[in-house]
């Protein structure tokens, strides 16, 4: 199953899970990607402001790829509010 990413924390959780599954420490992965261990720790904890090039290097090293797609439209549920019904 392909995980859906909505927040920086989601990206960090995916990176952490793959790193641990591969038996890598933060220090060893950071060294391979040429970033500081503290930077990797921040990424894994959802820190914002990470460059795309750093994320791409992490994904490549971890054997991950990014797939982009359209966000599905909201379903018609009772939780959906039609603004025309509440605005005069």
C-alpha atoms as a PDB file:
ATOM      1  CA  UNK A   1       0.000   0.000   0.000  1.00  0.00           C
ATOM      2  CA  UNK A   2       1.261   3.458  -0.883  1.00  0.00           C
ATOM      3  CA  UNK A   3       1.179   5.804   2.116  1.00  0.00           C
ATOM      4  CA  UNK A   4      -0.536   9.157   1.685  1.00  0.00           C
ATOM      5  CA  UNK A   5       1.536  12.129   2.787  1.00  0.00           C
ATOM      6  CA  UNK A   6      -0.233  15.192   4.131  1.00  0.00           C
ATOM      7  CA  UNK A   7       2.281  16.677   6.568  1.00  0.00           C
ATOM      8  CA  UNK A   8       6.045  16.898   7.130  1.00  0.00           C
ATOM      9  CA  UNK A   9       5.517  14.487  10.042  1.00  0.00           C
ATOM     10  CA  UNK A  10       4.161  11.884   7.573  1.00  0.00           C
ATOM     11  CA  UNK A  11       7.337  12.176   5.489  1.00  0.00           C
ATOM     12  CA  UNK A  12       9.485  11.849   8.593  1.00  0.00           C
ATOM     13  CA  UNK A  13       7.604   8.771   9.768  1.00  0.00           C
ATOM     14  CA  UNK A  14       8.118   7.086   6.388  1.00  0.00           C
ATOM     15  CA  UNK A  15      11.833   7.891   6.410  1.00  0.00           C
ATOM     16  CA  UNK A  16      12.224   6.651   9.998  1.00  0.00           C
ATOM     17  CA  UNK A  17      10.331   3.409   9.319  1.00  0.00           C
ATOM     18  CA  UNK A  18      12.403   2.599   6.226  1.00  0.00           C
ATOM     19  CA  UNK A  19      15.680   3.518   7.946  1.00  0.00           C
ATOM     20  CA  UNK A  20      14.891   1.234  10.863  1.00  0.00           C
ATOM     21  CA  UNK A  21      13.718  -1.582   8.562  1.00  0.00           C
ATOM     22  CA  UNK A  22      17.080  -1.352   6.802  1.00  0.00           C
ATOM     23  CA  UNK A  23      18.915  -1.505  10.138  1.00  0.00           C
ATOM     24  CA  UNK A  24      20.488   1.926   9.713  1.00  0.00           C
ATOM     25  CA  UNK A  25      21.204   4.379  12.487  1.00  0.00           C
ATOM     26  CA  UNK A  26      20.455   8.050  12.047  1.00  0.00           C
ATOM     27  CA  UNK A  27      24.191   8.712  12.056  1.00  0.00           C
ATOM     28  CA  UNK A  28      24.948   6.189   9.304  1.00  0.00           C
ATOM     29  CA  UNK A  29      22.110   7.365   7.045  1.00  0.00           C
ATOM     30  CA  UNK A  30      22.997  11.010   7.608  1.00  0.00           C
ATOM     31  CA  UNK A  31      26.602  10.281   6.647  1.00  0.00           C
ATOM     32  CA  UNK A  32      25.506   8.577   3.415  1.00  0.00           C
ATOM     33  CA  UNK A  33      23.304  11.546   2.488  1.00  0.00           C
ATOM     34  CA  UNK A  34      25.899  14.087   3.693  1.00  0.00           C
ATOM     35  CA  UNK A  35      23.710  15.808   6.251  1.00  0.00           C
ATOM     36  CA  UNK A  36      24.070  16.153  10.007  1.00  0.00           C
ATOM     37  CA  UNK A  37      22.481  13.536  12.262  1.00  0.00           C
ATOM     38  CA  UNK A  38      20.593  16.366  13.976  1.00  0.00           C
ATOM     39  CA  UNK A  39      19.124  17.387  10.608  1.00  0.00           C
ATOM     40  CA  UNK A  40      17.911  13.834   9.993  1.00  0.00           C
ATOM     41  CA  UNK A  41      16.434  13.702  13.476  1.00  0.00           C
ATOM     42  CA  UNK A  42      14.515  16.887  12.753  1.00  0.00           C
ATOM     43  CA  UNK A  43      13.226  15.519   9.443  1.00  0.00           C
ATOM     44  CA  UNK A  44      12.073  12.305  11.116  1.00  0.00           C
ATOM     45  CA  UNK A  45      10.256  14.392  13.721  1.00  0.00           C
ATOM     46  CA  UNK A  46       8.407  16.492  11.143  1.00  0.00           C
ATOM     47  CA  UNK A  47      10.588  19.589  11.016  1.00  0.00           C
ATOM     48  CA  UNK A  48       9.639  21.950   8.229  1.00  0.00           C
ATOM     49  CA  UNK A  49      12.012  23.702   5.867  1.00  0.00           C
ATOM     50  CA  UNK A  50      13.942  20.708   4.554  1.00  0.00           C
ATOM     51  CA  UNK A  51      15.106  21.173   0.978  1.00  0.00           C
ATOM     52  CA  UNK A  52      13.652  19.027  -1.767  1.00  0.00           C
ATOM     53  CA  UNK A  53      17.173  17.964  -2.747  1.00  0.00           C
ATOM     54  CA  UNK A  54      17.809  16.622   0.771  1.00  0.00           C
ATOM     55  CA  UNK A  55      14.526  14.706   0.760  1.00  0.00           C
ATOM     56  CA  UNK A  56      15.262  13.291  -2.699  1.00  0.00           C
ATOM     57  CA  UNK A  57      18.715  12.164  -1.527  1.00  0.00           C
ATOM     58  CA  UNK A  58      17.156  10.458   1.496  1.00  0.00           C
ATOM     59  CA  UNK A  59      14.502   8.756  -0.629  1.00  0.00           C
ATOM     60  CA  UNK A  60      17.095   7.561  -3.147  1.00  0.00           C
ATOM     61  CA  UNK A  61      19.385   6.188  -0.437  1.00  0.00           C
ATOM     62  CA  UNK A  62      16.445   4.410   1.218  1.00  0.00           C
ATOM     63  CA  UNK A  63      15.161   2.994  -2.083  1.00  0.00           C
ATOM     64  CA  UNK A  64      11.973   5.052  -1.982  1.00  0.00           C
ATOM     65  CA  UNK A  65      10.272   6.931  -4.786  1.00  0.00           C
ATOM     66  CA  UNK A  66       7.750   9.752  -4.885  1.00  0.00           C
ATOM     67  CA  UNK A  67       4.541   9.326  -6.845  1.00  0.00           C
ATOM     68  CA  UNK A  68       2.339  12.369  -7.337  1.00  0.00           C
ATOM     69  CA  UNK A  69      -1.364  12.235  -8.087  1.00  0.00           C
ATOM     70  CA  UNK A  70      -4.498  14.293  -7.940  1.00  0.00           C
ATOM     71  CA  UNK A  71      -6.222  14.759  -4.608  1.00  0.00           C
ATOM     72  CA  UNK A  72      -9.602  13.022  -4.827  1.00  0.00           C
ATOM     73  CA  UNK A  73     -12.621  15.309  -4.509  1.00  0.00           C
ATOM     74  CA  UNK A  74     -14.450  15.208  -1.186  1.00  0.00           C
ATOM     75  CA  UNK A  75     -17.169  12.608  -0.975  1.00  0.00           C
ATOM     76  CA  UNK A  76     -20.779  13.674  -0.566  1.00  0.00           C
ATOM     77  CA  UNK A  77     -21.241  12.911   3.087  1.00  0.00           C
ATOM     78  CA  UNK A  78     -23.232  14.547   5.821  1.00  0.00           C
ATOM     79  CA  UNK A  79     -19.964  16.121   7.012  1.00  0.00           C
ATOM     80  CA  UNK A  80     -19.786  18.219   3.831  1.00  0.00           C
ATOM     81  CA  UNK A  81     -21.281  21.684   4.122  1.00  0.00           C
ATOM     82  CA  UNK A  82     -22.764  23.440   1.107  1.00  0.00           C
ATOM     83  CA  UNK A  83     -22.018  27.129   1.627  1.00  0.00           C
ATOM     84  CA  UNK A  84     -24.969  28.194  -0.542  1.00  0.00           C
ATOM     85  CA  UNK A  85     -27.268  26.613   2.031  1.00  0.00           C
ATOM     86  CA  UNK A  86     -25.966  28.781   4.868  1.00  0.00           C
ATOM     87  CA  UNK A  87     -25.272  32.068   3.054  1.00  0.00           C
ATOM     88  CA  UNK A  88     -28.178  34.351   2.183  1.00  0.00           C
END
